Amino acid sequence: MVGWVGRKYLARTQKDGFDLSKISFLPDSVLMPLRRDGLDPVSELGSIRAEAPISRLDLPFGMKGWLVSGYDEAKAVLGRATGVSSDFTNLVGNAGVTEEQNPGGLGFADPPVHTRLRKLLTPEFTMRRLGRLTPRIESIVEEQLDAMEKADGPVDLWQAFALPIPSLTICELLGVPYEDRDDFQRLSTVRFDLFAGAGGALGAISESLTYLMEIVKKQRENPGDGLLGMLVKEHGDEISDRELAGLADGVLTGGLETTASTLALGALVLLQDPGAFKLVHDDDTAINNFVEEALRYLTVVQMAFPRFATEDMEICGEQISEGDILLVSLSGANRDAALGTDMEKFLPARKSPSHLAFSYGIHRCIGAELARMELRAAYPALLRRFPNMRLAVPADELKFREISIVYGLDSLPVLLK
């Protein structure tokens, strides 16, 4: 996201044109909030937060930006409904981006468009509506465990467990054919990978939306019982095909990579913490606190959508000017001592503070409860089926994603027996 912002901002400001391919690197000060040491944000992020929870960010190309890493300061920025904008055009301007590359949906929309779309989508994510998915989620988990049990030798927990659970769940929710899951995983990963560059991210968006427009067309002709079909049946022409595709794209990419990464990294926490493993294995009541602590501690979505100041303002004592970019470090804010004591530690029985793993304010993740349902179903079932599960390689050989908005592993090999 930070790299994309830089490249697109520069393209907007270079009136005589600019070759984006010539930008081969970004300063470490820009990438630092996305770097980690294993499961932990790099120590530099904590040092910056302690010194200045809202600090000037050394952005390239003359951009004026702020890194927001404090908890209270993050809530102040994310909770603003006016004075800041997340609209997609702030990122791309007139930099040659087509309408097909605009993801639409909620993440890159401002009120009143955002307000209208979220109002249409929210009823589909109430606990009452989501409750119908509970039996299916449980069966998805059991199906993956059954397949793992038949395997010989090490099993990649990422490919065999963490990825299929949200993939199947979201396909079930949307009414999207599951046989297309590999393509959507690829598109989701490229979108969050800064090394893919702006072209890779925009190409992934365009490809995803092209496919989803076909799904929407079929749902418009014959509405099913999934989310898209329900929106068509309940709202008809009140919502356009392009808007439906954008909402579906946001649900798919927002809930697939993020939940899969949380599942995998949470499993790694369990494998490295025998006390947490025993707690979740033995105590049915422990899972809620474990999941909330995992969400806070891991914070796989490391950075919130950029906010662009649309007016001069003061936030927590800092003077923000119109046009400034506010980049909120969710991973930094969730380690702030303002939430409580020992926030740098993982405490599985901690009574969860009000973390920002799902962001905050009008752009808080609409699928938060669905993600919680998947995590609560998956972890206990995994540990009880395979109580002797352990890493198949030394922990220091695991390969984490180097620079990505959504932090995660490339694989997690385990021995089950």
Protein backbone atom coordinates (compact mmCIF):
# COMPACT_ATOMS: atom_id res chain seq x y z
CA MET A 1 0.00 0.00 0.00
CA VAL A 2 2.74 2.46 0.93
CA GLY A 3 4.66 1.71 -2.27
CA TRP A 4 1.55 1.98 -4.36
CA VAL A 5 0.69 5.32 -2.77
CA GLY A 6 4.14 6.64 -3.58
CA ARG A 7 4.17 5.57 -7.19
CA LYS A 8 0.65 6.78 -7.93
CA TYR A 9 1.13 10.07 -6.11
CA LEU A 10 4.22 10.74 -8.16
CA ALA A 11 2.39 9.94 -11.38
CA ARG A 12 -0.27 12.47 -10.41
CA THR A 13 2.28 15.21 -9.72
CA GLN A 14 4.48 14.68 -12.80
CA LYS A 15 2.53 16.58 -15.42
CA ASP A 16 5.01 15.74 -18.19
CA GLY A 17 4.69 12.03 -17.52
CA PHE A 18 6.72 9.59 -15.47
CA ASP A 19 7.95 6.08 -16.09
CA LEU A 20 6.79 4.11 -13.05
CA SER A 21 9.11 1.26 -13.98
CA LYS A 22 12.09 3.46 -13.09
CA ILE A 23 11.15 3.43 -9.40
CA SER A 24 12.88 0.30 -8.17
CA PHE A 25 13.00 0.92 -4.43
CA LEU A 26 11.47 2.85 -1.56
CA PRO A 27 13.27 4.20 1.52
CA ASP A 28 13.32 1.93 4.54
CA SER A 29 11.50 4.56 6.58
CA VAL A 30 8.47 3.92 4.39
CA LEU A 31 8.71 0.12 4.51
CA MET A 32 9.68 -0.15 8.19
CA PRO A 33 6.08 -0.37 9.54
CA LEU A 34 5.57 -3.47 7.35
CA ARG A 35 8.72 -5.27 8.50
CA ARG A 36 8.70 -7.85 11.27
CA ASP A 37 11.04 -9.93 13.35
CA GLY A 38 9.22 -13.25 13.28
CA LEU A 39 5.77 -12.57 14.71
CA ASP A 40 6.70 -9.20 16.20
CA PRO A 41 6.84 -5.76 14.58
CA VAL A 42 10.43 -4.55 14.38
CA SER A 43 11.59 -2.81 17.55
CA GLU A 44 12.00 0.48 15.67
CA LEU A 45 8.23 0.76 15.36
CA GLY A 46 7.83 0.55 19.14
CA SER A 47 10.57 3.12 19.67
CA ILE A 48 8.92 5.56 17.28
CA ARG A 49 5.54 5.01 18.96
CA ALA A 50 7.01 5.73 22.40
CA GLU A 51 8.65 8.93 21.18
CA ALA A 52 5.90 10.24 18.90
CA PRO A 53 2.72 8.20 18.32
CA ILE A 54 1.99 10.49 15.38
CA SER A 55 5.26 11.17 13.58
CA ARG A 56 6.25 12.75 10.30
CA LEU A 57 6.93 10.04 7.76
CA ASP A 58 9.82 10.45 5.35
CA LEU A 59 7.91 9.80 2.15
CA PRO A 60 9.55 10.09 -1.26
CA PHE A 61 8.72 12.46 -4.10
CA GLY A 62 7.83 15.43 -1.87
CA MET A 63 4.81 13.73 -0.34
CA LYS A 64 3.72 14.90 3.11
CA GLY A 65 2.75 12.04 5.38
CA TRP A 66 2.33 10.88 8.93
CA LEU A 67 2.85 7.51 10.56
CA VAL A 68 0.23 6.89 13.23
CA SER A 69 1.42 4.12 15.57
CA GLY A 70 -0.23 4.94 18.91
CA TYR A 71 -3.49 3.27 19.93
CA ASP A 72 -5.42 6.39 20.94
CA GLU A 73 -4.05 8.29 17.98
CA ALA A 74 -5.03 5.48 15.59
CA LYS A 75 -8.59 5.51 16.91
CA ALA A 76 -8.70 9.29 16.52
CA VAL A 77 -7.74 9.01 12.85
CA LEU A 78 -9.77 5.92 11.99
CA GLY A 79 -12.80 7.19 13.86
CA ARG A 80 -13.06 10.41 11.85
CA ALA A 81 -16.07 10.41 9.53
CA THR A 82 -15.21 13.82 8.05
CA GLY A 83 -12.03 15.63 7.13
CA VAL A 84 -10.33 12.52 5.75
CA SER A 85 -10.90 10.51 2.60
CA SER A 86 -10.19 6.90 1.59
CA ASP A 87 -11.56 7.28 -1.94
CA PHE A 88 -9.69 5.32 -4.59
CA THR A 89 -9.11 8.40 -6.74
CA ASN A 90 -6.84 9.82 -4.03
CA LEU A 91 -4.44 7.00 -4.78
CA VAL A 92 -4.52 7.03 -8.55
CA GLY A 93 -5.72 10.44 -9.70
CA ASN A 94 -5.24 10.61 -13.47
CA ALA A 95 -2.38 8.13 -13.57
CA GLY A 96 -3.77 6.03 -16.37
CA VAL A 97 -5.89 3.76 -14.18
CA THR A 98 -9.06 2.47 -15.79
CA GLU A 99 -12.47 2.02 -14.23
CA GLU A 100 -11.94 -1.75 -14.44
CA GLN A 101 -8.99 -1.36 -12.05
CA ASN A 102 -11.03 0.48 -9.42
CA PRO A 103 -11.88 -2.15 -6.79
CA GLY A 104 -15.06 -0.41 -5.67
CA GLY A 105 -16.58 -1.87 -2.52
CA LEU A 106 -16.31 -0.30 0.90
CA GLY A 107 -12.58 0.06 1.54
CA PHE A 108 -11.88 2.78 -1.02
CA ALA A 109 -15.20 4.63 -0.76
CA ASP A 110 -16.26 7.71 1.19
CA PRO A 111 -19.72 8.75 2.41
CA PRO A 112 -22.33 9.00 1.05
CA VAL A 113 -21.41 6.14 -1.32
CA HIS A 114 -19.81 4.15 1.49
CA THR A 115 -22.79 4.75 3.78
CA ARG A 116 -25.28 3.48 1.21
CA LEU A 117 -23.31 0.37 0.29
CA ARG A 118 -22.53 -0.56 3.88
CA LYS A 119 -26.18 -0.18 4.81
CA LEU A 120 -27.06 -2.68 2.07
CA LEU A 121 -24.35 -5.14 3.10
CA THR A 122 -24.55 -4.98 6.90
CA PRO A 123 -27.72 -7.11 7.30
CA GLU A 124 -25.97 -9.99 5.54
CA PHE A 125 -23.26 -9.97 8.25
CA THR A 126 -25.43 -9.97 11.35
CA MET A 127 -24.93 -12.92 13.70
CA ARG A 128 -28.42 -14.13 12.81
CA ARG A 129 -27.61 -14.32 9.09
CA LEU A 130 -24.09 -15.65 9.66
CA GLY A 131 -25.44 -18.30 12.03
CA ARG A 132 -26.65 -20.29 9.05
CA LEU A 133 -23.00 -20.81 8.09
CA THR A 134 -21.98 -22.35 11.44
CA PRO A 135 -22.71 -25.98 10.49
CA ARG A 136 -21.00 -25.50 7.14
CA ILE A 137 -17.89 -23.97 8.73
CA GLU A 138 -17.66 -26.87 11.16
CA SER A 139 -17.99 -29.39 8.33
CA ILE A 140 -15.34 -27.54 6.27
CA VAL A 141 -12.94 -27.77 9.21
CA GLU A 142 -13.62 -31.49 9.66
CA GLU A 143 -13.18 -32.15 5.94
CA GLN A 144 -9.74 -30.56 5.99
CA LEU A 145 -8.75 -32.51 9.10
CA ASP A 146 -9.91 -35.76 7.49
CA ALA A 147 -7.78 -35.07 4.43
CA MET A 148 -4.76 -34.19 6.58
CA GLU A 149 -5.12 -37.39 8.57
CA LYS A 150 -4.76 -39.46 5.40
CA ALA A 151 -1.52 -37.77 4.40
CA ASP A 152 1.86 -39.42 4.84
CA GLY A 153 4.76 -37.45 6.24
CA PRO A 154 4.80 -33.70 6.83
CA VAL A 155 1.73 -31.62 6.00
CA ASP A 156 1.77 -27.98 4.98
CA LEU A 157 -0.71 -26.47 7.41
CA TRP A 158 -1.01 -23.36 5.22
CA GLN A 159 -2.13 -25.23 2.12
CA ALA A 160 -4.02 -28.04 3.86
CA PHE A 161 -5.82 -26.12 6.60
CA ALA A 162 -5.37 -22.36 6.91
CA LEU A 163 -6.13 -21.50 3.29
CA PRO A 164 -9.02 -23.87 2.45
CA ILE A 165 -11.16 -22.94 5.47
CA PRO A 166 -11.71 -19.25 4.59
CA SER A 167 -11.67 -20.06 0.86
CA LEU A 168 -14.53 -22.53 1.17
CA THR A 169 -16.39 -20.38 3.69
CA ILE A 170 -16.31 -17.25 1.54
CA CYS A 171 -17.19 -19.14 -1.61
CA GLU A 172 -20.15 -20.57 0.32
CA LEU A 173 -21.09 -17.10 1.55
CA LEU A 174 -20.92 -15.45 -1.86
CA GLY A 175 -22.10 -18.33 -4.01
CA VAL A 176 -18.78 -18.36 -5.92
CA PRO A 177 -17.64 -21.71 -7.42
CA TYR A 178 -14.95 -23.17 -5.18
CA GLU A 179 -13.06 -24.61 -8.13
CA ASP A 180 -11.87 -21.05 -8.82
CA ARG A 181 -10.25 -20.71 -5.38
CA ASP A 182 -6.67 -21.01 -6.69
CA ASP A 183 -7.06 -18.02 -8.96
CA PHE A 184 -8.58 -15.91 -6.22
CA GLN A 185 -5.83 -16.84 -3.78
CA ARG A 186 -3.26 -15.72 -6.34
CA LEU A 187 -5.09 -12.46 -7.02
CA SER A 188 -5.56 -11.78 -3.32
CA THR A 189 -1.87 -12.34 -2.55
CA VAL A 190 -0.62 -10.16 -5.42
CA ARG A 191 -2.86 -7.31 -4.33
CA PHE A 192 -1.20 -7.10 -0.93
CA ASP A 193 2.38 -7.77 -2.07
CA LEU A 194 4.41 -4.60 -2.49
CA PHE A 195 7.03 -6.42 -4.54
CA ALA A 196 4.35 -7.04 -7.18
CA GLY A 197 4.23 -3.29 -7.76
CA ALA A 198 1.33 -1.09 -8.75
CA GLY A 199 0.85 -2.90 -12.05
CA GLY A 200 0.53 -6.28 -10.40
CA ALA A 201 -1.97 -5.02 -7.84
CA LEU A 202 -4.09 -3.19 -10.41
CA GLY A 203 -3.99 -6.16 -12.77
CA ALA A 204 -5.18 -8.44 -9.98
CA ILE A 205 -8.07 -6.10 -9.21
CA SER A 206 -9.10 -5.93 -12.86
CA GLU A 207 -8.94 -9.70 -13.32
CA SER A 208 -10.90 -10.34 -10.14
CA LEU A 209 -13.63 -7.88 -11.06
CA THR A 210 -13.96 -9.27 -14.58
CA TYR A 211 -14.68 -12.71 -13.16
CA LEU A 212 -17.02 -11.41 -10.48
CA MET A 213 -19.04 -9.45 -13.03
CA GLU A 214 -19.84 -12.78 -14.69
CA ILE A 215 -20.89 -14.24 -11.35
CA VAL A 216 -23.07 -11.20 -10.68
CA LYS A 217 -24.67 -11.52 -14.11
CA LYS A 218 -25.63 -15.12 -13.34
CA GLN A 219 -26.95 -14.17 -9.91
CA ARG A 220 -28.99 -11.36 -11.43
CA GLU A 221 -30.62 -13.86 -13.78
CA ASN A 222 -31.13 -16.57 -11.18
CA PRO A 223 -30.53 -15.33 -7.61
CA GLY A 224 -29.27 -17.97 -5.19
CA ASP A 225 -29.21 -18.11 -1.39
CA GLY A 226 -25.69 -16.66 -1.06
CA LEU A 227 -24.84 -13.06 -0.28
CA LEU A 228 -24.95 -11.91 -3.90
CA GLY A 229 -28.27 -13.59 -4.53
CA MET A 230 -29.76 -12.14 -1.36
CA LEU A 231 -28.64 -8.62 -2.30
CA VAL A 232 -30.19 -9.04 -5.75
CA LYS A 233 -33.46 -10.36 -4.31
CA GLU A 234 -33.74 -7.74 -1.58
CA HIS A 235 -32.47 -4.65 -3.43
CA GLY A 236 -32.85 -5.32 -7.15
CA ASP A 237 -31.85 -2.38 -9.31
CA GLU A 238 -31.07 -0.32 -6.22
CA ILE A 239 -27.55 -1.77 -6.49
CA SER A 240 -25.70 -1.99 -9.80
CA ASP A 241 -23.80 -5.00 -11.13
CA ARG A 242 -20.53 -3.08 -10.79
CA GLU A 243 -21.31 -2.26 -7.16
CA LEU A 244 -22.18 -5.90 -6.45
CA ALA A 245 -18.92 -7.06 -8.00
CA GLY A 246 -16.99 -4.51 -5.94
CA LEU A 247 -18.65 -5.64 -2.71
CA ALA A 248 -18.00 -9.29 -3.53
CA ASP A 249 -14.38 -8.50 -4.37
CA GLY A 250 -13.94 -6.74 -1.05
CA VAL A 251 -15.45 -9.64 0.89
CA LEU A 252 -13.38 -12.21 -0.97
CA THR A 253 -10.01 -10.49 -0.78
CA GLY A 254 -10.63 -8.96 2.64
CA GLY A 255 -11.67 -12.23 4.23
CA LEU A 256 -9.52 -14.81 2.45
CA GLU A 257 -5.87 -13.82 2.82
CA THR A 258 -6.41 -12.18 6.21
CA THR A 259 -8.18 -15.09 7.90
CA ALA A 260 -5.87 -17.66 6.31
CA SER A 261 -2.81 -15.80 7.59
CA THR A 262 -4.30 -15.48 11.06
CA LEU A 263 -5.10 -19.20 11.12
CA ALA A 264 -1.55 -20.12 10.11
CA LEU A 265 0.26 -17.70 12.40
CA GLY A 266 -2.06 -18.55 15.29
CA ALA A 267 -1.25 -22.22 14.76
CA LEU A 268 2.44 -21.33 14.88
CA VAL A 269 1.88 -19.57 18.21
CA LEU A 270 0.23 -22.72 19.55
CA LEU A 271 3.07 -24.91 18.32
CA GLN A 272 5.62 -22.71 20.07
CA ASP A 273 3.68 -22.23 23.31
CA PRO A 274 2.86 -25.53 25.07
CA GLY A 275 0.80 -23.72 27.69
CA ALA A 276 -1.42 -22.11 25.09
CA PHE A 277 -1.68 -25.43 23.22
CA LYS A 278 -2.86 -27.23 26.38
CA LEU A 279 -5.28 -24.44 27.28
CA VAL A 280 -7.06 -24.44 23.91
CA HIS A 281 -6.97 -28.26 23.73
CA ASP A 282 -8.41 -28.83 27.21
CA ASP A 283 -10.73 -25.90 27.93
CA ASP A 284 -13.79 -25.21 25.79
CA THR A 285 -14.15 -21.78 27.37
CA ALA A 286 -10.61 -20.67 26.50
CA ILE A 287 -11.08 -20.20 22.77
CA ASN A 288 -12.73 -16.77 22.83
CA ASN A 289 -9.90 -15.10 24.75
CA PHE A 290 -7.29 -16.99 22.71
CA VAL A 291 -8.77 -15.81 19.42
CA GLU A 292 -9.00 -12.18 20.51
CA GLU A 293 -5.43 -12.23 21.81
CA ALA A 294 -4.23 -13.85 18.57
CA LEU A 295 -6.01 -11.19 16.53
CA ARG A 296 -4.41 -8.42 18.59
CA TYR A 297 -0.95 -9.90 18.86
CA LEU A 298 -0.64 -11.02 15.24
CA THR A 299 -2.54 -8.15 13.55
CA VAL A 300 -1.94 -9.63 10.13
CA VAL A 301 -3.42 -6.56 8.38
CA GLN A 302 -0.50 -4.33 9.28
CA MET A 303 -1.68 -1.04 7.83
CA ALA A 304 -5.13 0.51 7.49
CA PHE A 305 -6.33 1.97 4.20
CA PRO A 306 -4.56 5.34 3.72
CA ARG A 307 -6.47 8.41 4.83
CA PHE A 308 -5.99 11.66 2.91
CA ALA A 309 -6.69 14.85 4.82
CA THR A 310 -9.30 16.94 3.03
CA GLU A 311 -8.89 19.90 5.36
CA ASP A 312 -6.47 21.32 7.90
CA MET A 313 -7.03 19.72 11.31
CA GLU A 314 -5.47 18.89 14.65
CA ILE A 315 -5.24 15.26 15.76
CA CYS A 316 -3.91 14.51 19.23
CA GLY A 317 -1.89 17.72 19.26
CA GLU A 318 -0.42 17.40 15.77
CA GLN A 319 -1.27 19.86 13.01
CA ILE A 320 -2.32 17.98 9.89
CA SER A 321 -2.55 19.90 6.62
CA GLU A 322 -4.98 19.38 3.78
CA GLY A 323 -3.49 16.85 1.36
CA ASP A 324 -1.37 15.08 3.96
CA ILE A 325 -1.44 11.27 3.97
CA LEU A 326 -2.16 9.48 7.24
CA LEU A 327 -0.84 5.91 7.43
CA VAL A 328 -2.13 4.05 10.47
CA SER A 329 -0.01 1.15 11.71
CA LEU A 330 -2.53 -1.32 13.14
CA SER A 331 0.26 -3.68 14.21
CA GLY A 332 1.96 -0.83 16.07
CA ALA A 333 -1.21 0.45 17.71
CA ASN A 334 -2.15 -3.03 18.94
CA ARG A 335 1.14 -3.28 20.88
CA ASP A 336 0.68 0.11 22.59
CA ALA A 337 0.79 0.11 26.40
CA ALA A 338 -2.38 2.23 26.27
CA LEU A 339 -4.28 -1.06 25.85
CA GLY A 340 -2.86 -2.55 29.05
CA THR A 341 0.26 -4.19 30.44
CA ASP A 342 2.65 -6.49 28.60
CA MET A 343 1.17 -5.79 25.18
CA GLU A 344 4.37 -7.04 23.54
CA LYS A 345 3.67 -10.50 25.00
CA PHE A 346 1.17 -13.13 23.89
CA LEU A 347 -1.02 -14.07 26.86
CA PRO A 348 -3.60 -16.64 25.70
CA ALA A 349 -5.96 -16.14 28.64
CA ARG A 350 -5.85 -12.34 28.48
CA LYS A 351 -9.27 -10.72 28.65
CA SER A 352 -9.20 -8.99 25.35
CA PRO A 353 -8.80 -5.23 25.16
CA SER A 354 -10.58 -3.38 22.36
CA HIS A 355 -7.96 -4.12 19.71
CA LEU A 356 -7.77 -2.69 16.19
CA ALA A 357 -7.13 -5.90 14.25
CA PHE A 358 -10.32 -5.22 12.29
CA SER A 359 -9.59 -1.48 12.10
CA TYR A 360 -12.05 1.03 13.56
CA GLY A 361 -14.72 3.53 12.59
CA ILE A 362 -16.71 3.47 9.38
CA HIS A 363 -14.13 1.25 7.67
CA ARG A 364 -14.02 -1.40 10.39
CA CYS A 365 -14.04 -4.83 8.72
CA ILE A 366 -17.63 -5.81 8.07
CA GLY A 367 -16.67 -9.49 8.10
CA ALA A 368 -15.11 -9.43 11.58
CA GLU A 369 -17.67 -11.80 13.12
CA LEU A 370 -17.33 -14.27 10.25
CA ALA A 371 -13.56 -14.37 10.78
CA ARG A 372 -14.05 -14.98 14.49
CA MET A 373 -16.44 -17.84 13.75
CA GLU A 374 -13.85 -19.53 11.55
CA LEU A 375 -11.02 -19.10 14.04
CA ARG A 376 -13.07 -20.33 16.98
CA ALA A 377 -14.10 -23.43 15.07
CA ALA A 378 -10.69 -24.22 13.60
CA TYR A 379 -8.19 -24.06 16.45
CA PRO A 380 -9.79 -26.44 18.99
CA ALA A 381 -10.70 -28.93 16.28
CA LEU A 382 -7.12 -28.93 14.96
CA LEU A 383 -5.51 -29.49 18.35
CA ARG A 384 -7.95 -32.18 19.44
CA ARG A 385 -7.57 -34.12 16.21
CA PHE A 386 -3.76 -33.89 16.31
CA PRO A 387 -2.64 -33.52 19.95
CA ASN A 388 0.94 -34.50 19.00
CA MET A 389 1.26 -31.98 16.19
CA ARG A 390 4.66 -30.27 15.98
CA LEU A 391 6.78 -28.30 13.55
CA ALA A 392 8.45 -30.40 10.86
CA VAL A 393 11.34 -27.93 10.46
CA PRO A 394 13.22 -25.69 12.87
CA ALA A 395 11.30 -22.49 13.52
CA ASP A 396 14.12 -20.36 12.14
CA GLU A 397 13.72 -22.02 8.74
CA LEU A 398 10.15 -20.82 8.30
CA LYS A 399 9.80 -18.24 5.56
CA PHE A 400 7.69 -15.19 6.33
CA ARG A 401 6.54 -12.67 3.75
CA GLU A 402 9.07 -9.90 3.69
CA ILE A 403 7.01 -6.86 2.74
CA SER A 404 3.26 -7.26 2.56
CA ILE A 405 0.23 -5.38 3.82
CA VAL A 406 -1.09 -8.75 5.05
CA TYR A 407 1.66 -10.52 6.99
CA GLY A 408 1.96 -14.26 6.76
CA LEU A 409 3.89 -17.42 5.98
CA ASP A 410 4.58 -19.05 2.65
CA SER A 411 4.23 -22.50 4.24
CA LEU A 412 3.94 -24.13 7.66
CA PRO A 413 5.15 -27.75 7.53
CA VAL A 414 4.05 -29.87 10.50
CA LEU A 415 4.16 -33.47 11.65
CA LEU A 416 0.78 -34.69 12.86
CA LYS A 417 1.54 -37.98 14.61
